[in-house]
Amino acid sequence: MAEEEKPSEDLVEKAKADKQQAKGPAGRVTLFVRQVINELSKVTRPTNKELINYTWTVLGFVAVMMVIISALDWVFFSVVGFTFTP
């Protein structure tokens, strides 16, 4: 796995200097876009196997939550029906 980049004083000073140079709305937008592109270049993308594994994990979690919420809905419906039915 790649080494994590730690923020240093130089990085903070560079960001402050960039912010000082970015005067006006167009300069701020340009600075923002440059910083976003710089951060996106640091992103590591999952492999195909990891992506499939994460997808099945999320789908499984969603299915379990649907079952739990459906069960609670049925219990509350039954309790309200029992309470308010003459």
Protein backbone atom coordinates (compact mmCIF):
# COMPACT_ATOMS: atom_id res chain seq x y z
CA MET A 1 0.00 0.00 0.00
CA ALA A 2 1.24 3.48 -0.75
CA GLU A 3 2.69 5.61 2.00
CA GLU A 4 0.34 8.20 3.36
CA GLU A 5 1.36 11.78 2.73
CA LYS A 6 1.58 13.78 5.94
CA PRO A 7 0.88 17.48 5.84
CA SER A 8 4.01 19.48 6.47
CA GLU A 9 4.68 23.09 7.24
CA ASP A 10 5.71 23.62 3.61
CA LEU A 11 2.32 22.34 2.41
CA VAL A 12 0.46 24.65 4.79
CA GLU A 13 2.61 27.62 3.77
CA LYS A 14 2.04 26.82 0.07
CA ALA A 15 -1.73 26.69 0.63
CA LYS A 16 -1.66 30.03 2.42
CA ALA A 17 0.43 31.58 -0.35
CA ASP A 18 -1.95 30.20 -3.00
CA LYS A 19 -4.90 31.63 -1.11
CA GLN A 20 -3.24 35.06 -0.96
CA GLN A 21 -2.64 34.99 -4.72
CA ALA A 22 -6.22 33.95 -5.53
CA LYS A 23 -7.91 37.32 -5.55
CA GLY A 24 -11.42 37.69 -6.82
CA PRO A 25 -14.04 35.04 -7.54
CA ALA A 26 -12.33 33.67 -10.67
CA GLY A 27 -9.04 33.21 -8.83
CA ARG A 28 -10.74 31.41 -5.96
CA VAL A 29 -12.60 29.08 -8.34
CA THR A 30 -9.38 28.32 -10.21
CA LEU A 31 -7.56 27.63 -6.93
CA PHE A 32 -10.38 25.35 -5.80
CA VAL A 33 -10.33 23.37 -9.05
CA ARG A 34 -6.52 23.01 -8.89
CA GLN A 35 -6.71 21.78 -5.29
CA VAL A 36 -9.50 19.31 -6.13
CA ILE A 37 -7.51 17.87 -9.03
CA ASN A 38 -4.44 17.62 -6.80
CA GLU A 39 -6.41 15.73 -4.11
CA LEU A 40 -8.05 13.42 -6.65
CA SER A 41 -4.62 12.42 -7.93
CA LYS A 42 -3.91 10.99 -4.44
CA VAL A 43 -6.97 8.71 -4.47
CA THR A 44 -6.34 4.99 -4.78
CA ARG A 45 -9.03 3.14 -6.68
CA PRO A 46 -10.15 -0.33 -5.60
CA THR A 47 -9.34 -3.35 -7.71
CA ASN A 48 -12.15 -5.14 -9.55
CA LYS A 49 -12.19 -7.90 -6.90
CA GLU A 50 -12.39 -5.35 -4.06
CA LEU A 51 -15.15 -3.44 -5.85
CA ILE A 52 -17.25 -6.60 -6.25
CA ASN A 53 -16.65 -7.52 -2.60
CA TYR A 54 -17.66 -4.05 -1.39
CA THR A 55 -20.75 -4.11 -3.61
CA TRP A 56 -21.96 -7.44 -2.19
CA THR A 57 -21.24 -6.21 1.34
CA VAL A 58 -23.36 -3.09 0.83
CA LEU A 59 -26.19 -5.05 -0.83
CA GLY A 60 -26.15 -7.57 2.03
CA PHE A 61 -26.29 -4.81 4.63
CA VAL A 62 -29.17 -3.10 2.83
CA ALA A 63 -31.08 -6.42 2.63
CA VAL A 64 -30.61 -7.03 6.37
CA MET A 65 -31.78 -3.50 7.20
CA MET A 66 -34.85 -3.96 4.97
CA VAL A 67 -35.76 -7.12 6.88
CA ILE A 68 -35.31 -5.42 10.25
CA ILE A 69 -37.38 -2.36 9.26
CA SER A 70 -40.09 -4.55 7.72
CA ALA A 71 -40.29 -6.62 10.90
CA LEU A 72 -40.55 -3.51 13.07
CA ASP A 73 -43.20 -2.08 10.75
CA TRP A 74 -45.24 -5.27 11.05
CA VAL A 75 -44.88 -5.30 14.87
CA PHE A 76 -45.96 -1.66 15.18
CA PHE A 77 -48.87 -2.22 12.78
CA SER A 78 -50.00 -5.21 14.83
CA VAL A 79 -49.74 -3.32 18.13
CA VAL A 80 -51.67 -0.32 16.77
CA GLY A 81 -54.27 -2.60 15.19
CA PHE A 82 -54.70 -4.53 18.44
CA THR A 83 -54.87 -1.33 20.50
CA PHE A 84 -57.40 0.57 18.39
CA THR A 85 -59.60 -2.24 17.05
CA PRO A 86 -62.85 -2.50 19.02
